[in-house]
Amino acid sequence: MWQYTVWRLLLFAVLLLALLWLGVPELWALIFAAAFSMVTSFFLLRRQREEMARDLEAKVAARRRRREARLAAERTDEEAEDEEGPGPTAR
């Protein structure tokens, strides 16, 4: 995730400096640099973005597994028996 963020910031900074060097007023340079870096990063940083998404997905899945394991460990025997359904009926 850090790699993607660093590349996005670097792209923004390079575009901002280039626009300022060309004499674009500061406010417009900020706006154009933000817009251009957003569009450009969509295409240039695709691999990093997909890698970041896979990492986040893996973290969420691991967190979900840990939570499910914790909840399963907290269950009592009575809850487990309740889920099994009714036992044999006495006549």
N, C-alpha and C. Protein backbone atom coordinates (compact mmCIF):
# COMPACT_ATOMS: atom_id res chain seq x y z
N MET A 1 0.83 -1.19 0.00
CA MET A 1 0.00 0.00 0.00
C MET A 1 0.88 1.25 0.00
N TRP A 2 1.98 1.20 0.73
CA TRP A 2 2.86 2.36 0.80
C TRP A 2 3.46 2.67 -0.57
N GLN A 3 3.80 1.63 -1.31
CA GLN A 3 4.42 1.84 -2.61
C GLN A 3 3.46 2.60 -3.54
N TYR A 4 2.21 2.22 -3.56
CA TYR A 4 1.22 2.90 -4.39
C TYR A 4 1.06 4.35 -3.97
N THR A 5 1.00 4.58 -2.66
CA THR A 5 0.84 5.95 -2.15
C THR A 5 2.03 6.82 -2.51
N VAL A 6 3.22 6.26 -2.37
CA VAL A 6 4.43 7.02 -2.70
C VAL A 6 4.45 7.36 -4.19
N TRP A 7 4.13 6.40 -5.04
CA TRP A 7 4.10 6.67 -6.48
C TRP A 7 3.06 7.73 -6.84
N ARG A 8 1.88 7.68 -6.20
CA ARG A 8 0.86 8.69 -6.47
C ARG A 8 1.34 10.08 -6.06
N LEU A 9 1.94 10.18 -4.88
CA LEU A 9 2.44 11.47 -4.41
C LEU A 9 3.58 11.97 -5.29
N LEU A 10 4.45 11.07 -5.70
CA LEU A 10 5.56 11.45 -6.57
C LEU A 10 5.05 11.96 -7.92
N LEU A 11 4.07 11.29 -8.47
CA LEU A 11 3.49 11.72 -9.74
C LEU A 11 2.85 13.10 -9.59
N PHE A 12 2.12 13.30 -8.50
CA PHE A 12 1.50 14.60 -8.25
C PHE A 12 2.57 15.69 -8.13
N ALA A 13 3.63 15.41 -7.37
CA ALA A 13 4.68 16.41 -7.15
C ALA A 13 5.38 16.77 -8.45
N VAL A 14 5.67 15.77 -9.27
CA VAL A 14 6.34 16.04 -10.54
C VAL A 14 5.45 16.90 -11.45
N LEU A 15 4.18 16.56 -11.53
CA LEU A 15 3.26 17.36 -12.35
C LEU A 15 3.11 18.78 -11.79
N LEU A 16 3.03 18.90 -10.48
CA LEU A 16 2.90 20.22 -9.86
C LEU A 16 4.13 21.07 -10.15
N LEU A 17 5.30 20.50 -9.97
CA LEU A 17 6.53 21.25 -10.23
C LEU A 17 6.64 21.64 -11.71
N ALA A 18 6.25 20.75 -12.60
CA ALA A 18 6.30 21.06 -14.02
C ALA A 18 5.35 22.21 -14.36
N LEU A 19 4.16 22.19 -13.81
CA LEU A 19 3.20 23.26 -14.07
C LEU A 19 3.67 24.59 -13.48
N LEU A 20 4.23 24.54 -12.29
CA LEU A 20 4.75 25.77 -11.68
C LEU A 20 5.93 26.30 -12.49
N TRP A 21 6.78 25.42 -12.97
CA TRP A 21 7.93 25.82 -13.78
C TRP A 21 7.46 26.46 -15.09
N LEU A 22 6.32 26.00 -15.62
CA LEU A 22 5.78 26.58 -16.85
C LEU A 22 5.08 27.91 -16.60
N GLY A 23 4.93 28.31 -15.35
CA GLY A 23 4.35 29.61 -15.04
C GLY A 23 2.86 29.58 -14.77
N VAL A 24 2.28 28.42 -14.56
CA VAL A 24 0.85 28.33 -14.24
C VAL A 24 0.66 28.84 -12.81
N PRO A 25 -0.37 29.67 -12.56
CA PRO A 25 -0.61 30.16 -11.19
C PRO A 25 -0.78 28.98 -10.21
N GLU A 26 -0.37 29.21 -8.95
CA GLU A 26 -0.30 28.13 -7.97
C GLU A 26 -1.61 27.37 -7.77
N LEU A 27 -2.71 28.08 -7.63
CA LEU A 27 -3.99 27.41 -7.41
C LEU A 27 -4.35 26.52 -8.59
N TRP A 28 -4.21 27.06 -9.79
CA TRP A 28 -4.51 26.26 -10.99
C TRP A 28 -3.53 25.11 -11.15
N ALA A 29 -2.28 25.33 -10.78
CA ALA A 29 -1.29 24.26 -10.85
C ALA A 29 -1.68 23.12 -9.91
N LEU A 30 -2.13 23.45 -8.71
CA LEU A 30 -2.58 22.43 -7.76
C LEU A 30 -3.77 21.65 -8.31
N ILE A 31 -4.74 22.38 -8.85
CA ILE A 31 -5.94 21.73 -9.39
C ILE A 31 -5.59 20.83 -10.57
N PHE A 32 -4.83 21.36 -11.52
CA PHE A 32 -4.47 20.57 -12.70
C PHE A 32 -3.57 19.39 -12.33
N ALA A 33 -2.64 19.59 -11.42
CA ALA A 33 -1.76 18.50 -11.01
C ALA A 33 -2.55 17.39 -10.34
N ALA A 34 -3.51 17.76 -9.51
CA ALA A 34 -4.35 16.74 -8.86
C ALA A 34 -5.17 15.98 -9.90
N ALA A 35 -5.78 16.70 -10.82
CA ALA A 35 -6.61 16.03 -11.84
C ALA A 35 -5.75 15.17 -12.77
N PHE A 36 -4.66 15.70 -13.24
CA PHE A 36 -3.81 14.94 -14.16
C PHE A 36 -3.19 13.74 -13.47
N SER A 37 -2.75 13.90 -12.22
CA SER A 37 -2.14 12.77 -11.53
C SER A 37 -3.17 11.68 -11.25
N MET A 38 -4.42 12.06 -11.00
CA MET A 38 -5.45 11.07 -10.77
C MET A 38 -5.70 10.24 -12.03
N VAL A 39 -5.84 10.91 -13.15
CA VAL A 39 -6.08 10.21 -14.41
C VAL A 39 -4.86 9.41 -14.83
N THR A 40 -3.70 10.01 -14.73
CA THR A 40 -2.47 9.34 -15.15
C THR A 40 -2.18 8.12 -14.27
N SER A 41 -2.38 8.25 -12.97
CA SER A 41 -2.10 7.12 -12.08
C SER A 41 -3.06 5.97 -12.33
N PHE A 42 -4.26 6.26 -12.81
CA PHE A 42 -5.22 5.20 -13.12
C PHE A 42 -4.64 4.26 -14.17
N PHE A 43 -3.91 4.80 -15.11
CA PHE A 43 -3.33 3.99 -16.18
C PHE A 43 -1.91 3.51 -15.84
N LEU A 44 -1.09 4.39 -15.31
CA LEU A 44 0.32 4.04 -15.08
C LEU A 44 0.54 3.16 -13.85
N LEU A 45 -0.31 3.29 -12.85
CA LEU A 45 -0.09 2.57 -11.60
C LEU A 45 -1.07 1.41 -11.42
N ARG A 46 -1.53 0.86 -12.52
CA ARG A 46 -2.52 -0.22 -12.45
C ARG A 46 -1.97 -1.43 -11.67
N ARG A 47 -0.74 -1.84 -11.95
CA ARG A 47 -0.16 -3.00 -11.29
C ARG A 47 -0.07 -2.78 -9.78
N GLN A 48 0.39 -1.61 -9.36
CA GLN A 48 0.52 -1.31 -7.94
C GLN A 48 -0.85 -1.26 -7.26
N ARG A 49 -1.84 -0.70 -7.96
CA ARG A 49 -3.19 -0.61 -7.40
C ARG A 49 -3.79 -2.00 -7.22
N GLU A 50 -3.60 -2.88 -8.21
CA GLU A 50 -4.13 -4.24 -8.10
C GLU A 50 -3.42 -5.02 -7.00
N GLU A 51 -2.12 -4.80 -6.85
CA GLU A 51 -1.37 -5.46 -5.79
C GLU A 51 -1.87 -4.98 -4.42
N MET A 52 -2.12 -3.69 -4.30
CA MET A 52 -2.63 -3.14 -3.05
C MET A 52 -4.01 -3.73 -2.74
N ALA A 53 -4.86 -3.86 -3.75
CA ALA A 53 -6.19 -4.42 -3.55
C ALA A 53 -6.09 -5.88 -3.10
N ARG A 54 -5.17 -6.65 -3.69
CA ARG A 54 -4.99 -8.04 -3.27
C ARG A 54 -4.52 -8.11 -1.82
N ASP A 55 -3.60 -7.25 -1.44
CA ASP A 55 -3.11 -7.23 -0.07
C ASP A 55 -4.24 -6.90 0.92
N LEU A 56 -5.03 -5.89 0.57
CA LEU A 56 -6.15 -5.53 1.45
C LEU A 56 -7.16 -6.66 1.54
N GLU A 57 -7.43 -7.32 0.43
CA GLU A 57 -8.37 -8.43 0.43
C GLU A 57 -7.86 -9.58 1.31
N ALA A 58 -6.57 -9.85 1.25
CA ALA A 58 -5.98 -10.90 2.08
C ALA A 58 -6.07 -10.52 3.56
N LYS A 59 -5.83 -9.26 3.89
CA LYS A 59 -5.93 -8.83 5.28
C LYS A 59 -7.35 -8.95 5.80
N VAL A 60 -8.33 -8.58 4.98
CA VAL A 60 -9.74 -8.67 5.39
C VAL A 60 -10.13 -10.13 5.58
N ALA A 61 -9.69 -11.01 4.69
CA ALA A 61 -10.01 -12.43 4.81
C ALA A 61 -9.37 -13.01 6.06
N ALA A 62 -8.13 -12.65 6.36
CA ALA A 62 -7.47 -13.15 7.57
C ALA A 62 -8.19 -12.64 8.82
N ARG A 63 -8.59 -11.38 8.81
CA ARG A 63 -9.31 -10.82 9.95
C ARG A 63 -10.65 -11.54 10.13
N ARG A 64 -11.32 -11.83 9.02
CA ARG A 64 -12.60 -12.54 9.08
C ARG A 64 -12.41 -13.95 9.66
N ARG A 65 -11.35 -14.65 9.22
CA ARG A 65 -11.09 -16.00 9.74
C ARG A 65 -10.79 -15.95 11.24
N ARG A 66 -9.99 -14.96 11.67
CA ARG A 66 -9.69 -14.84 13.10
C ARG A 66 -10.96 -14.57 13.91
N ARG A 67 -11.82 -13.71 13.37
CA ARG A 67 -13.06 -13.38 14.07
C ARG A 67 -13.96 -14.60 14.16
N GLU A 68 -14.09 -15.34 13.06
CA GLU A 68 -14.92 -16.54 13.09
C GLU A 68 -14.37 -17.58 14.06
N ALA A 69 -13.06 -17.73 14.11
CA ALA A 69 -12.45 -18.68 15.04
C ALA A 69 -12.68 -18.24 16.48
N ARG A 70 -12.57 -16.94 16.74
CA ARG A 70 -12.81 -16.43 18.08
C ARG A 70 -14.26 -16.65 18.50
N LEU A 71 -15.19 -16.37 17.58
CA LEU A 71 -16.60 -16.58 17.90
C LEU A 71 -16.90 -18.05 18.12
N ALA A 72 -16.30 -18.92 17.32
CA ALA A 72 -16.52 -20.36 17.49
C ALA A 72 -15.98 -20.82 18.83
N ALA A 73 -14.86 -20.27 19.27
CA ALA A 73 -14.28 -20.65 20.55
C ALA A 73 -15.12 -20.15 21.72
N GLU A 74 -15.85 -19.09 21.53
CA GLU A 74 -16.67 -18.51 22.60
C GLU A 74 -18.02 -19.20 22.75
N ARG A 75 -18.38 -19.99 21.77
CA ARG A 75 -19.68 -20.65 21.83
C ARG A 75 -19.72 -21.64 22.97
N THR A 76 -20.85 -21.77 23.59
CA THR A 76 -20.99 -22.73 24.68
C THR A 76 -21.55 -24.04 24.13
N ASP A 77 -21.47 -25.07 24.94
CA ASP A 77 -22.00 -26.37 24.53
C ASP A 77 -23.50 -26.31 24.32
N GLU A 78 -24.19 -25.51 25.11
CA GLU A 78 -25.64 -25.39 24.96
C GLU A 78 -26.00 -24.83 23.60
N GLU A 79 -25.28 -23.84 23.16
CA GLU A 79 -25.56 -23.27 21.83
C GLU A 79 -25.33 -24.31 20.75
N ALA A 80 -24.30 -25.10 20.89
CA ALA A 80 -24.02 -26.14 19.90
C ALA A 80 -25.14 -27.18 19.90
N GLU A 81 -25.64 -27.55 21.09
CA GLU A 81 -26.74 -28.52 21.17
C GLU A 81 -28.01 -27.95 20.57
N ASP A 82 -28.26 -26.66 20.80
CA ASP A 82 -29.44 -26.02 20.23
C ASP A 82 -29.43 -26.06 18.72
N GLU A 83 -28.27 -25.90 18.14
CA GLU A 83 -28.17 -25.90 16.67
C GLU A 83 -28.33 -27.30 16.10
N GLU A 84 -28.00 -28.34 16.89
CA GLU A 84 -28.12 -29.69 16.38
C GLU A 84 -29.57 -30.08 16.16
N GLY A 85 -30.48 -29.44 16.81
CA GLY A 85 -31.89 -29.75 16.63
C GLY A 85 -32.40 -30.58 17.77
N PRO A 86 -33.68 -30.92 17.70
CA PRO A 86 -34.26 -31.68 18.80
C PRO A 86 -33.72 -33.11 18.84
N GLY A 87 -33.54 -33.59 20.04
CA GLY A 87 -33.04 -34.95 20.22
C GLY A 87 -34.21 -35.93 20.16
N PRO A 88 -33.96 -37.16 20.54
CA PRO A 88 -35.05 -38.14 20.54
C PRO A 88 -36.12 -37.73 21.54
N THR A 89 -37.35 -37.92 21.17
CA THR A 89 -38.46 -37.52 22.05
C THR A 89 -38.83 -38.69 22.94
N ALA A 90 -39.16 -38.37 24.16
CA ALA A 90 -39.60 -39.40 25.11
C ALA A 90 -41.07 -39.64 24.92
N ARG A 91 -41.47 -40.91 25.04
CA ARG A 91 -42.90 -41.24 24.89
C ARG A 91 -43.48 -41.67 26.17
